[in-house]
């Protein structure tokens, strides 16, 4: 994992702290050129009410380069299975400092960021079909080429442990610069959201067991 980032003060997009974490993840700069084209996974902290510490933030996972060779749904499914099978370390593995951090930073949300195409699902039947593929995790690079008017974009999908969901999209100009993220839809759903929820649940359960919370 990389360094913790605060999401305090970021736009909420009508979704409270979950929207702040999704915005922060979507606008987080790449740490190296090798990350270009890879999906990016982020763990969000203290986004739900009664947080143990008033600090909303997020932390990026390290993704294997092989993730670029598979459907996003396959990658997320494998990550969920890997976390569920991760052994809990024996008592005493983590010192008191690590345990205090685990108490203060509660795993409440998960965000996935990936490259996509910006378009309106109402603009045409092909656009609607492409949108359905996107949220179900079956989008491949180049699928949107036949969709007239589609633009390059980065997409951020977020979920929390209270079943909150948010979808943000930031269009990308030919020079590579991103427009400010915009929320898409009021009640997004699909396979990717379900799989993100499974990863979050597995991470939360492992953290509580590992630190005796």
C-alpha atoms as a PDB file:
ATOM      1  CA  UNK A   1       0.000   0.000   0.000  1.00  0.00           C
ATOM      2  CA  UNK A   2       0.988   3.623  -0.498  1.00  0.00           C
ATOM      3  CA  UNK A   3       0.708   6.604   1.846  1.00  0.00           C
ATOM      4  CA  UNK A   4      -2.483   7.623   3.647  1.00  0.00           C
ATOM      5  CA  UNK A   5      -4.235  10.637   2.093  1.00  0.00           C
ATOM      6  CA  UNK A   6      -6.726  12.904   3.835  1.00  0.00           C
ATOM      7  CA  UNK A   7     -10.050  13.485   2.080  1.00  0.00           C
ATOM      8  CA  UNK A   8     -11.157  16.245   4.465  1.00  0.00           C
ATOM      9  CA  UNK A   9     -12.455  19.256   2.543  1.00  0.00           C
ATOM     10  CA  UNK A  10     -12.853  17.458  -0.796  1.00  0.00           C
ATOM     11  CA  UNK A  11     -16.177  17.667  -2.699  1.00  0.00           C
ATOM     12  CA  UNK A  12     -18.828  15.270  -1.392  1.00  0.00           C
ATOM     13  CA  UNK A  13     -20.871  14.938  -4.610  1.00  0.00           C
ATOM     14  CA  UNK A  14     -24.017  14.538  -2.526  1.00  0.00           C
ATOM     15  CA  UNK A  15     -22.665  11.359  -0.903  1.00  0.00           C
ATOM     16  CA  UNK A  16     -20.967  12.665   2.230  1.00  0.00           C
ATOM     17  CA  UNK A  17     -17.594  11.212   3.173  1.00  0.00           C
ATOM     18  CA  UNK A  18     -17.944   8.389   0.614  1.00  0.00           C
ATOM     19  CA  UNK A  19     -18.077  11.020  -2.116  1.00  0.00           C
ATOM     20  CA  UNK A  20     -14.979  12.704  -0.679  1.00  0.00           C
ATOM     21  CA  UNK A  21     -12.994   9.467  -0.713  1.00  0.00           C
ATOM     22  CA  UNK A  22     -14.158   8.643  -4.252  1.00  0.00           C
ATOM     23  CA  UNK A  23     -13.188  12.141  -5.408  1.00  0.00           C
ATOM     24  CA  UNK A  24      -9.777  11.862  -3.788  1.00  0.00           C
ATOM     25  CA  UNK A  25      -9.139   8.450  -5.307  1.00  0.00           C
ATOM     26  CA  UNK A  26     -10.216   9.579  -8.777  1.00  0.00           C
ATOM     27  CA  UNK A  27      -7.930  12.619  -8.686  1.00  0.00           C
ATOM     28  CA  UNK A  28      -4.943  10.940  -6.999  1.00  0.00           C
ATOM     29  CA  UNK A  29      -1.902  11.317  -9.299  1.00  0.00           C
ATOM     30  CA  UNK A  30      -0.127   8.253 -10.612  1.00  0.00           C
ATOM     31  CA  UNK A  31       2.937   7.347  -8.574  1.00  0.00           C
ATOM     32  CA  UNK A  32       4.866   5.968 -11.548  1.00  0.00           C
ATOM     33  CA  UNK A  33       4.454   5.670 -15.359  1.00  0.00           C
ATOM     34  CA  UNK A  34       4.107   1.899 -14.941  1.00  0.00           C
ATOM     35  CA  UNK A  35       0.703   2.425 -13.282  1.00  0.00           C
ATOM     36  CA  UNK A  36      -0.838   3.916 -16.438  1.00  0.00           C
ATOM     37  CA  UNK A  37      -3.658   1.684 -17.690  1.00  0.00           C
ATOM     38  CA  UNK A  38      -3.939  -0.300 -14.449  1.00  0.00           C
ATOM     39  CA  UNK A  39      -7.106  -0.279 -12.358  1.00  0.00           C
ATOM     40  CA  UNK A  40      -6.475   1.401  -8.996  1.00  0.00           C
ATOM     41  CA  UNK A  41      -8.023   0.185  -5.734  1.00  0.00           C
ATOM     42  CA  UNK A  42      -8.404   2.374  -2.637  1.00  0.00           C
ATOM     43  CA  UNK A  43      -9.489   1.658   0.935  1.00  0.00           C
ATOM     44  CA  UNK A  44     -11.486   4.461   2.559  1.00  0.00           C
ATOM     45  CA  UNK A  45     -11.399   5.216   6.275  1.00  0.00           C
ATOM     46  CA  UNK A  46     -13.889   6.760   8.718  1.00  0.00           C
ATOM     47  CA  UNK A  47     -16.584   7.543   6.138  1.00  0.00           C
ATOM     48  CA  UNK A  48     -19.519   6.281   8.226  1.00  0.00           C
ATOM     49  CA  UNK A  49     -21.193   8.009  11.189  1.00  0.00           C
ATOM     50  CA  UNK A  50     -19.662   7.636  14.661  1.00  0.00           C
ATOM     51  CA  UNK A  51     -16.175   7.303  13.216  1.00  0.00           C
ATOM     52  CA  UNK A  52     -13.534   6.573  15.876  1.00  0.00           C
ATOM     53  CA  UNK A  53     -11.494   9.603  14.738  1.00  0.00           C
ATOM     54  CA  UNK A  54     -12.570  12.724  12.755  1.00  0.00           C
ATOM     55  CA  UNK A  55     -10.256  12.075   9.824  1.00  0.00           C
ATOM     56  CA  UNK A  56     -11.710  10.844   6.525  1.00  0.00           C
ATOM     57  CA  UNK A  57      -9.031   9.489   4.223  1.00  0.00           C
ATOM     58  CA  UNK A  58      -7.933   6.762   1.852  1.00  0.00           C
ATOM     59  CA  UNK A  59      -5.016   4.484   1.072  1.00  0.00           C
ATOM     60  CA  UNK A  60      -4.157   2.964  -2.307  1.00  0.00           C
ATOM     61  CA  UNK A  61      -3.422  -0.733  -2.720  1.00  0.00           C
ATOM     62  CA  UNK A  62      -0.507  -1.928  -4.833  1.00  0.00           C
ATOM     63  CA  UNK A  63      -1.936  -3.623  -7.935  1.00  0.00           C
ATOM     64  CA  UNK A  64      -0.167  -6.353  -9.888  1.00  0.00           C
ATOM     65  CA  UNK A  65       0.633  -5.478 -13.509  1.00  0.00           C
ATOM     66  CA  UNK A  66      -1.240  -8.600 -14.558  1.00  0.00           C
ATOM     67  CA  UNK A  67      -4.506  -6.914 -13.592  1.00  0.00           C
ATOM     68  CA  UNK A  68      -4.423  -5.057 -16.919  1.00  0.00           C
ATOM     69  CA  UNK A  69      -4.774  -8.381 -18.770  1.00  0.00           C
ATOM     70  CA  UNK A  70      -8.151  -9.341 -17.262  1.00  0.00           C
ATOM     71  CA  UNK A  71     -11.711  -8.069 -17.052  1.00  0.00           C
ATOM     72  CA  UNK A  72     -12.136  -5.804 -14.058  1.00  0.00           C
ATOM     73  CA  UNK A  73     -14.818  -8.083 -12.625  1.00  0.00           C
ATOM     74  CA  UNK A  74     -12.372 -11.001 -12.719  1.00  0.00           C
ATOM     75  CA  UNK A  75      -9.692  -8.935 -10.952  1.00  0.00           C
ATOM     76  CA  UNK A  76     -12.078  -7.859  -8.188  1.00  0.00           C
ATOM     77  CA  UNK A  77     -13.417 -11.380  -7.733  1.00  0.00           C
ATOM     78  CA  UNK A  78      -9.876 -12.733  -7.321  1.00  0.00           C
ATOM     79  CA  UNK A  79      -9.029  -9.987  -4.832  1.00  0.00           C
ATOM     80  CA  UNK A  80     -12.093 -10.796  -2.738  1.00  0.00           C
ATOM     81  CA  UNK A  81     -11.214 -14.494  -2.683  1.00  0.00           C
ATOM     82  CA  UNK A  82      -7.603 -13.710  -1.799  1.00  0.00           C
ATOM     83  CA  UNK A  83      -8.606 -11.524   1.151  1.00  0.00           C
ATOM     84  CA  UNK A  84     -11.090 -14.090   2.444  1.00  0.00           C
ATOM     85  CA  UNK A  85      -8.376 -16.769   2.433  1.00  0.00           C
ATOM     86  CA  UNK A  86      -5.709 -14.516   3.976  1.00  0.00           C
ATOM     87  CA  UNK A  87      -4.585 -16.091   7.265  1.00  0.00           C
ATOM     88  CA  UNK A  88      -4.931 -14.052  10.424  1.00  0.00           C
ATOM     89  CA  UNK A  89      -1.488 -13.483  11.968  1.00  0.00           C
ATOM     90  CA  UNK A  90      -0.883 -14.826  15.480  1.00  0.00           C
ATOM     91  CA  UNK A  91      -1.531 -12.635  18.493  1.00  0.00           C
ATOM     92  CA  UNK A  92       1.355 -10.268  19.177  1.00  0.00           C
ATOM     93  CA  UNK A  93       2.339  -9.828  15.526  1.00  0.00           C
ATOM     94  CA  UNK A  94       1.408  -6.127  15.599  1.00  0.00           C
ATOM     95  CA  UNK A  95       2.629  -3.763  18.305  1.00  0.00           C
ATOM     96  CA  UNK A  96       0.437  -1.311  20.226  1.00  0.00           C
ATOM     97  CA  UNK A  97       1.184   1.538  17.808  1.00  0.00           C
ATOM     98  CA  UNK A  98      -0.198  -0.455  14.853  1.00  0.00           C
ATOM     99  CA  UNK A  99      -3.211  -1.486  16.901  1.00  0.00           C
ATOM    100  CA  UNK A 100      -3.996   2.132  17.842  1.00  0.00           C
ATOM    101  CA  UNK A 101      -3.849   3.088  14.172  1.00  0.00           C
ATOM    102  CA  UNK A 102      -6.245   0.253  13.317  1.00  0.00           C
ATOM    103  CA  UNK A 103      -8.630   1.545  15.977  1.00  0.00           C
ATOM    104  CA  UNK A 104      -8.484   5.167  14.792  1.00  0.00           C
ATOM    105  CA  UNK A 105      -8.679   4.393  11.055  1.00  0.00           C
ATOM    106  CA  UNK A 106     -11.734   2.199  10.515  1.00  0.00           C
ATOM    107  CA  UNK A 107     -12.111   0.547   7.108  1.00  0.00           C
ATOM    108  CA  UNK A 108     -15.492   1.873   5.915  1.00  0.00           C
ATOM    109  CA  UNK A 109     -15.295   2.211   2.124  1.00  0.00           C
ATOM    110  CA  UNK A 110     -13.710   0.893  -1.062  1.00  0.00           C
ATOM    111  CA  UNK A 111     -13.136   2.667  -4.401  1.00  0.00           C
ATOM    112  CA  UNK A 112     -11.965   1.343  -7.772  1.00  0.00           C
ATOM    113  CA  UNK A 113     -10.660   3.754 -10.440  1.00  0.00           C
ATOM    114  CA  UNK A 114     -10.187   2.745 -14.076  1.00  0.00           C
ATOM    115  CA  UNK A 115     -10.066   4.182 -17.582  1.00  0.00           C
ATOM    116  CA  UNK A 116     -13.296   4.376 -19.538  1.00  0.00           C
ATOM    117  CA  UNK A 117     -15.305   6.528 -21.923  1.00  0.00           C
ATOM    118  CA  UNK A 118     -17.630   9.418 -21.066  1.00  0.00           C
ATOM    119  CA  UNK A 119     -21.050   9.291 -22.700  1.00  0.00           C
ATOM    120  CA  UNK A 120     -24.730   9.502 -21.878  1.00  0.00           C
ATOM    121  CA  UNK A 121     -26.621   6.180 -21.791  1.00  0.00           C
ATOM    122  CA  UNK A 122     -29.667   8.034 -23.160  1.00  0.00           C
ATOM    123  CA  UNK A 123     -27.920   9.229 -26.309  1.00  0.00           C
ATOM    124  CA  UNK A 124     -28.371   5.965 -28.281  1.00  0.00           C
ATOM    125  CA  UNK A 125     -28.979   2.186 -27.934  1.00  0.00           C
ATOM    126  CA  UNK A 126     -25.225   1.476 -28.361  1.00  0.00           C
ATOM    127  CA  UNK A 127     -24.469   3.971 -25.591  1.00  0.00           C
ATOM    128  CA  UNK A 128     -26.981   2.269 -23.291  1.00  0.00           C
ATOM    129  CA  UNK A 129     -25.470  -1.167 -24.001  1.00  0.00           C
ATOM    130  CA  UNK A 130     -21.977   0.183 -23.378  1.00  0.00           C
ATOM    131  CA  UNK A 131     -23.098   1.675 -20.079  1.00  0.00           C
ATOM    132  CA  UNK A 132     -24.530  -1.664 -18.955  1.00  0.00           C
ATOM    133  CA  UNK A 133     -21.263  -3.401 -19.857  1.00  0.00           C
ATOM    134  CA  UNK A 134     -19.333  -0.795 -17.880  1.00  0.00           C
ATOM    135  CA  UNK A 135     -21.205  -1.286 -14.603  1.00  0.00           C
ATOM    136  CA  UNK A 136     -21.229  -5.069 -15.031  1.00  0.00           C
ATOM    137  CA  UNK A 137     -17.446  -5.119 -15.426  1.00  0.00           C
ATOM    138  CA  UNK A 138     -17.229  -6.267 -19.054  1.00  0.00           C
ATOM    139  CA  UNK A 139     -15.786  -3.128 -20.599  1.00  0.00           C
ATOM    140  CA  UNK A 140     -12.649  -3.631 -22.702  1.00  0.00           C
ATOM    141  CA  UNK A 141     -10.356  -0.957 -24.123  1.00  0.00           C
ATOM    142  CA  UNK A 142     -11.763  -0.050 -27.534  1.00  0.00           C
ATOM    143  CA  UNK A 143     -15.365  -1.140 -26.824  1.00  0.00           C
ATOM    144  CA  UNK A 144     -16.527   2.477 -26.937  1.00  0.00           C
ATOM    145  CA  UNK A 145     -14.965   3.328 -30.277  1.00  0.00           C
ATOM    146  CA  UNK A 146     -18.237   2.618 -32.080  1.00  0.00           C
ATOM    147  CA  UNK A 147     -20.187   4.866 -29.707  1.00  0.00           C
ATOM    148  CA  UNK A 148     -20.444   8.235 -31.419  1.00  0.00           C
ATOM    149  CA  UNK A 149     -19.618  11.145 -29.147  1.00  0.00           C
ATOM    150  CA  UNK A 150     -17.861   9.106 -26.439  1.00  0.00           C
ATOM    151  CA  UNK A 151     -14.861  10.797 -24.809  1.00  0.00           C
ATOM    152  CA  UNK A 152     -11.879   9.455 -22.869  1.00  0.00           C
ATOM    153  CA  UNK A 153     -12.449   9.528 -19.111  1.00  0.00           C
ATOM    154  CA  UNK A 154     -11.458   8.133 -15.751  1.00  0.00           C
ATOM    155  CA  UNK A 155     -14.191   6.376 -13.765  1.00  0.00           C
ATOM    156  CA  UNK A 156     -14.428   5.947  -9.984  1.00  0.00           C
ATOM    157  CA  UNK A 157     -16.853   3.525  -8.314  1.00  0.00           C
ATOM    158  CA  UNK A 158     -17.234   3.620  -4.533  1.00  0.00           C
ATOM    159  CA  UNK A 159     -19.111   1.606  -1.907  1.00  0.00           C
ATOM    160  CA  UNK A 160     -19.289   1.692   1.878  1.00  0.00           C
ATOM    161  CA  UNK A 161     -20.330  -0.755   4.601  1.00  0.00           C
ATOM    162  CA  UNK A 162     -23.757   0.895   4.884  1.00  0.00           C
ATOM    163  CA  UNK A 163     -24.476  -0.027   1.235  1.00  0.00           C
ATOM    164  CA  UNK A 164     -23.814   3.511   0.032  1.00  0.00           C
ATOM    165  CA  UNK A 165     -22.710   3.750  -3.604  1.00  0.00           C
ATOM    166  CA  UNK A 166     -21.313   6.468  -5.830  1.00  0.00           C
ATOM    167  CA  UNK A 167     -20.120   6.655  -9.432  1.00  0.00           C
ATOM    168  CA  UNK A 168     -17.883   9.549 -10.493  1.00  0.00           C
ATOM    169  CA  UNK A 169     -16.488  10.305 -13.934  1.00  0.00           C
ATOM    170  CA  UNK A 170     -13.821  12.783 -15.037  1.00  0.00           C
ATOM    171  CA  UNK A 171     -13.448  13.432 -18.756  1.00  0.00           C
ATOM    172  CA  UNK A 172      -9.909  13.548 -20.118  1.00  0.00           C
ATOM    173  CA  UNK A 173      -8.768  16.017 -22.782  1.00  0.00           C
ATOM    174  CA  UNK A 174      -6.498  15.007 -25.710  1.00  0.00           C
ATOM    175  CA  UNK A 175      -3.589  16.534 -23.746  1.00  0.00           C
ATOM    176  CA  UNK A 176      -4.291  14.144 -20.866  1.00  0.00           C
ATOM    177  CA  UNK A 177      -5.738  16.694 -18.432  1.00  0.00           C
ATOM    178  CA  UNK A 178      -8.867  15.729 -16.480  1.00  0.00           C
ATOM    179  CA  UNK A 179     -11.982  17.808 -15.979  1.00  0.00           C
ATOM    180  CA  UNK A 180     -13.382  17.999 -12.418  1.00  0.00           C
ATOM    181  CA  UNK A 181     -15.121  14.735 -11.432  1.00  0.00           C
ATOM    182  CA  UNK A 182     -18.890  14.639 -11.843  1.00  0.00           C
ATOM    183  CA  UNK A 183     -21.371  12.310 -10.185  1.00  0.00           C
ATOM    184  CA  UNK A 184     -23.250  10.003 -12.561  1.00  0.00           C
ATOM    185  CA  UNK A 185     -26.676   8.694 -11.525  1.00  0.00           C
ATOM    186  CA  UNK A 186     -28.374   8.731  -8.142  1.00  0.00           C
ATOM    187  CA  UNK A 187     -28.537   5.003  -7.413  1.00  0.00           C
ATOM    188  CA  UNK A 188     -25.835   3.151  -9.373  1.00  0.00           C
ATOM    189  CA  UNK A 189     -25.735  -0.619  -9.308  1.00  0.00           C
ATOM    190  CA  UNK A 190     -24.015  -3.515 -11.029  1.00  0.00           C
ATOM    191  CA  UNK A 191     -21.547  -6.351 -10.595  1.00  0.00           C
ATOM    192  CA  UNK A 192     -18.566  -4.101  -9.921  1.00  0.00           C
ATOM    193  CA  UNK A 193     -20.313  -2.480  -6.957  1.00  0.00           C
ATOM    194  CA  UNK A 194     -21.232  -5.913  -5.568  1.00  0.00           C
ATOM    195  CA  UNK A 195     -17.654  -7.170  -5.899  1.00  0.00           C
ATOM    196  CA  UNK A 196     -16.247  -4.020  -4.309  1.00  0.00           C
ATOM    197  CA  UNK A 197     -18.583  -4.647  -1.387  1.00  0.00           C
ATOM    198  CA  UNK A 198     -17.237  -8.194  -1.049  1.00  0.00           C
ATOM    199  CA  UNK A 199     -13.639  -6.934  -0.973  1.00  0.00           C
ATOM    200  CA  UNK A 200     -14.529  -4.307   1.625  1.00  0.00           C
ATOM    201  CA  UNK A 201     -16.316  -6.840   3.810  1.00  0.00           C
ATOM    202  CA  UNK A 202     -13.338  -9.228   3.624  1.00  0.00           C
ATOM    203  CA  UNK A 203     -10.846  -6.452   4.433  1.00  0.00           C
ATOM    204  CA  UNK A 204     -12.931  -5.228   7.376  1.00  0.00           C
ATOM    205  CA  UNK A 205     -13.302  -8.739   8.806  1.00  0.00           C
ATOM    206  CA  UNK A 206      -9.560  -9.481   8.445  1.00  0.00           C
ATOM    207  CA  UNK A 207      -8.566  -6.182  10.086  1.00  0.00           C
ATOM    208  CA  UNK A 208     -10.821  -6.761  13.092  1.00  0.00           C
ATOM    209  CA  UNK A 209      -9.514 -10.297  13.545  1.00  0.00           C
ATOM    210  CA  UNK A 210      -5.840  -9.364  13.015  1.00  0.00           C
ATOM    211  CA  UNK A 211      -5.905  -6.507  15.535  1.00  0.00           C
ATOM    212  CA  UNK A 212      -8.379  -8.014  17.994  1.00  0.00           C
ATOM    213  CA  UNK A 213     -10.930  -5.239  17.515  1.00  0.00           C
END
